[in-house]
Amino acid sequence: MGSFSIWHWLIVLLIVIMIFGTKKLKNIGSDLGGAVKGFKDGMKDGSTPAEDKAAAPAAAVSADKNTIDVEVKNKP
C-alpha cells in the first residue's frame, strides 16, 4: 500500500485525459511552460546589477531595427 504501480498511474492518466481532453491539457501545458519561463526570466533580471539593466534595452533596440519599444500608461 506504499507506492502505486505503473498500472495505477496509467489509469489515472486515462481518466484525466477523458475528463479534460487532449486539447485542454495541451493548452494547460503550454501555459505552465510559459509561466515557468517568465519566472526564470524574472529571477535572472532580479540578479543582474542596475548598470546592466540600463544598458540592456539600448543594445536590444540597436540589434533589431524592427522592434518598437512602447510604454503603456494607465489613465487615472
N, C-alpha and C. Protein backbone atom coordinates (compact mmCIF):
# COMPACT_ATOMS: atom_id res chain seq x y z
N MET A 1 0.82 -1.20 0.00
CA MET A 1 0.00 0.00 0.00
C MET A 1 0.86 1.26 0.00
N GLY A 2 2.18 1.09 -0.10
CA GLY A 2 3.08 2.23 -0.02
C GLY A 2 3.15 3.05 -1.29
N SER A 3 3.39 2.41 -2.43
CA SER A 3 3.52 3.18 -3.66
C SER A 3 2.61 2.60 -4.74
N PHE A 4 2.33 3.42 -5.71
CA PHE A 4 1.47 2.99 -6.81
C PHE A 4 2.30 2.31 -7.89
N SER A 5 1.70 1.35 -8.55
CA SER A 5 2.39 0.69 -9.66
C SER A 5 2.14 1.49 -10.94
N ILE A 6 2.78 1.08 -12.01
CA ILE A 6 2.63 1.77 -13.29
C ILE A 6 1.19 1.70 -13.78
N TRP A 7 0.49 0.62 -13.46
CA TRP A 7 -0.90 0.48 -13.89
C TRP A 7 -1.81 1.49 -13.22
N HIS A 8 -1.54 1.79 -11.97
CA HIS A 8 -2.34 2.82 -11.28
C HIS A 8 -2.17 4.17 -11.96
N TRP A 9 -0.93 4.52 -12.28
CA TRP A 9 -0.66 5.81 -12.92
C TRP A 9 -1.26 5.87 -14.32
N LEU A 10 -1.25 4.77 -15.06
CA LEU A 10 -1.86 4.76 -16.39
C LEU A 10 -3.37 4.94 -16.32
N ILE A 11 -4.00 4.33 -15.34
CA ILE A 11 -5.45 4.50 -15.17
C ILE A 11 -5.77 5.94 -14.79
N VAL A 12 -5.01 6.53 -13.90
CA VAL A 12 -5.22 7.93 -13.52
C VAL A 12 -5.02 8.84 -14.73
N LEU A 13 -4.00 8.59 -15.53
CA LEU A 13 -3.75 9.39 -16.72
C LEU A 13 -4.90 9.26 -17.71
N LEU A 14 -5.42 8.07 -17.90
CA LEU A 14 -6.54 7.85 -18.81
C LEU A 14 -7.79 8.59 -18.34
N ILE A 15 -8.06 8.57 -17.05
CA ILE A 15 -9.22 9.29 -16.52
C ILE A 15 -9.06 10.79 -16.69
N VAL A 16 -7.87 11.32 -16.44
CA VAL A 16 -7.62 12.76 -16.61
C VAL A 16 -7.81 13.16 -18.07
N ILE A 17 -7.32 12.37 -18.99
CA ILE A 17 -7.47 12.66 -20.42
C ILE A 17 -8.95 12.61 -20.81
N MET A 18 -9.68 11.66 -20.27
CA MET A 18 -11.10 11.56 -20.59
C MET A 18 -11.89 12.75 -20.05
N ILE A 19 -11.51 13.25 -18.89
CA ILE A 19 -12.23 14.38 -18.28
C ILE A 19 -11.89 15.69 -18.99
N PHE A 20 -10.62 15.98 -19.16
CA PHE A 20 -10.21 17.27 -19.68
C PHE A 20 -10.04 17.30 -21.20
N GLY A 21 -9.68 16.21 -21.80
CA GLY A 21 -9.42 16.20 -23.24
C GLY A 21 -7.99 16.59 -23.53
N THR A 22 -7.49 16.14 -24.68
CA THR A 22 -6.09 16.38 -25.01
C THR A 22 -5.81 17.84 -25.35
N LYS A 23 -6.76 18.53 -25.98
CA LYS A 23 -6.53 19.93 -26.36
C LYS A 23 -6.41 20.81 -25.13
N LYS A 24 -7.27 20.60 -24.16
CA LYS A 24 -7.22 21.39 -22.94
C LYS A 24 -5.92 21.11 -22.17
N LEU A 25 -5.51 19.84 -22.12
CA LEU A 25 -4.26 19.51 -21.44
C LEU A 25 -3.06 20.12 -22.15
N LYS A 26 -3.10 20.18 -23.49
CA LYS A 26 -2.01 20.81 -24.24
C LYS A 26 -1.93 22.30 -23.92
N ASN A 27 -3.08 22.96 -23.85
CA ASN A 27 -3.10 24.38 -23.52
C ASN A 27 -2.59 24.63 -22.11
N ILE A 28 -2.97 23.77 -21.18
CA ILE A 28 -2.51 23.91 -19.80
C ILE A 28 -0.99 23.74 -19.74
N GLY A 29 -0.48 22.76 -20.49
CA GLY A 29 0.97 22.52 -20.52
C GLY A 29 1.74 23.70 -21.08
N SER A 30 1.23 24.28 -22.17
CA SER A 30 1.93 25.43 -22.76
C SER A 30 1.84 26.66 -21.86
N ASP A 31 0.71 26.86 -21.19
CA ASP A 31 0.58 27.97 -20.25
C ASP A 31 1.52 27.80 -19.06
N LEU A 32 1.62 26.57 -18.57
CA LEU A 32 2.52 26.30 -17.45
C LEU A 32 3.98 26.51 -17.86
N GLY A 33 4.33 26.07 -19.07
CA GLY A 33 5.69 26.29 -19.56
C GLY A 33 6.02 27.76 -19.73
N GLY A 34 5.06 28.54 -20.23
CA GLY A 34 5.27 29.98 -20.36
C GLY A 34 5.43 30.66 -19.01
N ALA A 35 4.67 30.19 -18.02
CA ALA A 35 4.78 30.76 -16.68
C ALA A 35 6.14 30.45 -16.07
N VAL A 36 6.62 29.23 -16.26
CA VAL A 36 7.93 28.86 -15.72
C VAL A 36 9.03 29.66 -16.41
N LYS A 37 8.91 29.84 -17.73
CA LYS A 37 9.91 30.63 -18.45
C LYS A 37 9.90 32.09 -17.98
N GLY A 38 8.72 32.65 -17.79
CA GLY A 38 8.63 34.02 -17.28
C GLY A 38 9.21 34.16 -15.89
N PHE A 39 8.99 33.15 -15.05
CA PHE A 39 9.55 33.17 -13.71
C PHE A 39 11.08 33.12 -13.75
N LYS A 40 11.62 32.26 -14.61
CA LYS A 40 13.07 32.16 -14.74
C LYS A 40 13.66 33.46 -15.25
N ASP A 41 13.00 34.09 -16.24
CA ASP A 41 13.49 35.37 -16.76
C ASP A 41 13.43 36.44 -15.68
N GLY A 42 12.37 36.42 -14.87
CA GLY A 42 12.26 37.38 -13.78
C GLY A 42 13.34 37.19 -12.73
N MET A 43 13.65 35.95 -12.44
CA MET A 43 14.72 35.68 -11.48
C MET A 43 16.07 36.10 -12.04
N LYS A 44 16.26 35.92 -13.34
CA LYS A 44 17.51 36.30 -13.97
C LYS A 44 17.66 37.82 -13.96
N ASP A 45 16.56 38.55 -14.24
CA ASP A 45 16.60 40.01 -14.24
C ASP A 45 16.84 40.56 -12.84
N GLY A 46 16.33 39.89 -11.84
CA GLY A 46 16.49 40.36 -10.47
C GLY A 46 17.91 40.20 -9.95
N SER A 47 18.68 39.32 -10.54
CA SER A 47 20.03 39.08 -10.04
C SER A 47 21.09 39.92 -10.76
N THR A 48 20.72 40.62 -11.83
CA THR A 48 21.70 41.44 -12.55
C THR A 48 21.83 42.80 -11.88
N PRO A 49 23.01 43.39 -11.90
CA PRO A 49 23.19 44.73 -11.33
C PRO A 49 22.40 45.79 -12.10
N ALA A 50 22.20 46.93 -11.47
CA ALA A 50 21.41 48.02 -12.07
C ALA A 50 22.09 48.57 -13.33
N GLU A 51 23.41 48.56 -13.39
CA GLU A 51 24.13 49.08 -14.55
C GLU A 51 23.82 48.25 -15.79
N ASP A 52 23.76 46.93 -15.63
CA ASP A 52 23.49 46.06 -16.76
C ASP A 52 22.05 46.23 -17.26
N LYS A 53 21.12 46.51 -16.37
CA LYS A 53 19.73 46.70 -16.77
C LYS A 53 19.58 47.92 -17.67
N ALA A 54 20.28 48.99 -17.36
CA ALA A 54 20.17 50.22 -18.14
C ALA A 54 20.77 50.03 -19.52
N ALA A 55 21.82 49.26 -19.66
CA ALA A 55 22.49 49.07 -20.94
C ALA A 55 21.79 48.03 -21.81
N ALA A 56 21.05 47.11 -21.24
CA ALA A 56 20.42 46.02 -22.00
C ALA A 56 19.37 46.51 -23.00
N PRO A 57 18.43 47.40 -22.66
CA PRO A 57 17.45 47.82 -23.65
C PRO A 57 18.06 48.54 -24.84
N ALA A 58 19.08 49.33 -24.62
CA ALA A 58 19.71 50.05 -25.74
C ALA A 58 20.36 49.08 -26.71
N ALA A 59 20.98 48.03 -26.19
CA ALA A 59 21.61 47.03 -27.04
C ALA A 59 20.57 46.24 -27.81
N ALA A 60 19.42 45.96 -27.20
CA ALA A 60 18.38 45.19 -27.88
C ALA A 60 17.76 45.99 -29.02
N VAL A 61 17.58 47.29 -28.82
CA VAL A 61 16.97 48.12 -29.86
C VAL A 61 17.93 48.29 -31.04
N SER A 62 19.21 48.47 -30.77
CA SER A 62 20.15 48.67 -31.86
C SER A 62 20.39 47.38 -32.63
N ALA A 63 20.22 46.21 -32.01
CA ALA A 63 20.45 44.95 -32.69
C ALA A 63 19.31 44.61 -33.65
N ASP A 64 18.08 44.98 -33.31
CA ASP A 64 16.93 44.65 -34.14
C ASP A 64 16.19 45.95 -34.46
N LYS A 65 16.27 46.41 -35.68
CA LYS A 65 15.67 47.68 -36.07
C LYS A 65 14.16 47.57 -36.28
N ASN A 66 13.60 46.36 -36.30
CA ASN A 66 12.17 46.17 -36.47
C ASN A 66 11.41 46.21 -35.16
N THR A 67 12.09 46.27 -34.03
CA THR A 67 11.46 46.28 -32.73
C THR A 67 11.03 47.70 -32.37
N ILE A 68 9.81 47.82 -31.87
CA ILE A 68 9.29 49.10 -31.43
C ILE A 68 9.07 49.02 -29.93
N ASP A 69 9.67 49.96 -29.20
CA ASP A 69 9.53 49.99 -27.75
C ASP A 69 8.37 50.90 -27.40
N VAL A 70 7.38 50.37 -26.69
CA VAL A 70 6.18 51.12 -26.35
C VAL A 70 6.00 51.08 -24.84
N GLU A 71 5.67 52.24 -24.28
CA GLU A 71 5.40 52.31 -22.84
C GLU A 71 3.91 52.57 -22.64
N VAL A 72 3.29 51.74 -21.82
CA VAL A 72 1.86 51.85 -21.58
C VAL A 72 1.65 52.68 -20.32
N LYS A 73 0.75 53.65 -20.43
CA LYS A 73 0.41 54.49 -19.28
C LYS A 73 -1.06 54.28 -18.93
N ASN A 74 -1.34 54.12 -17.65
CA ASN A 74 -2.72 53.94 -17.20
C ASN A 74 -3.41 55.27 -17.05
N LYS A 75 -4.69 55.29 -17.40
CA LYS A 75 -5.48 56.52 -17.22
C LYS A 75 -5.92 56.62 -15.77
N PRO A 76 -5.86 57.81 -15.19
CA PRO A 76 -6.29 57.95 -13.78
C PRO A 76 -7.78 57.88 -13.62
